[in-house]
Amino acid sequence: MLGRAYTIFDTAIGRCGIAWGPSGIVGVQLPEAREIETRRRLFQLYPEARETRPASNVETAIEGIVALLRGATADFAEVALDMGGIHAFDQRVYQITQRIPRGETLTYNEIAARLGASGAVRSVAQAVARNPFVVIVPCHRVLETGGYTDKMSLHGGLISKRRLLSIEGTGSSARQTLLDVLLPVAPPRLSG
């Protein structure tokens, strides 16, 4: 195969896209509101990619993404990711993120501590936000302190972390909204 390619495929949450090159997967795009917007997003990210049938490595990734998005377990251990052009720090963040088991989460602080760089919380958050391998590298399992989950990533389309965690059946602390987090600390209202 010469150059990059992409394909669009059906999942339980809509039509997703995946792009790859000779060294492996270069990106995953979760569904936008309409398929044309998902395709447009892939074109913006990978303008040189051409639509084609997936190679076997890509087919394995697609099967895993489809399984995970319908609530089943997925194993991406054999899926090759093209880390060319990805900063070494981000790669280390993604390696830790890939080891977070389904149904569990870590905070940006915990990942920074595991990297031995506890002062790098903001850099960890930025790396997670830049993750091109959405779902394969489960950035939705990395949360802010307090478990707030409504943010969407660059490649997340309209799908929030909360929705992905809900599909995986992750515990209720990961399903909290900002209101849920703030309500217990709000001072009681005085009547009078």
Foldseek 3Di string as FASTA:
>chain_A
DAAKAKEWDAAPVGIKMWMAHPQFTAFIFDDAPDVVVRVVLVCVVRVPYYYDDDDPLVVLVVVQVRQLRQQHHHDNPSGGYPCPPPDPVLVLLLVVLQPADQQAAEELQVSCVVVVRNVCSVVSVVSLLPDRYDPNSPSLRYHHPQQAWADAHPRRHNDISLSSSVSNVHDPSNNDHPCNSCVVVDDDDDDD
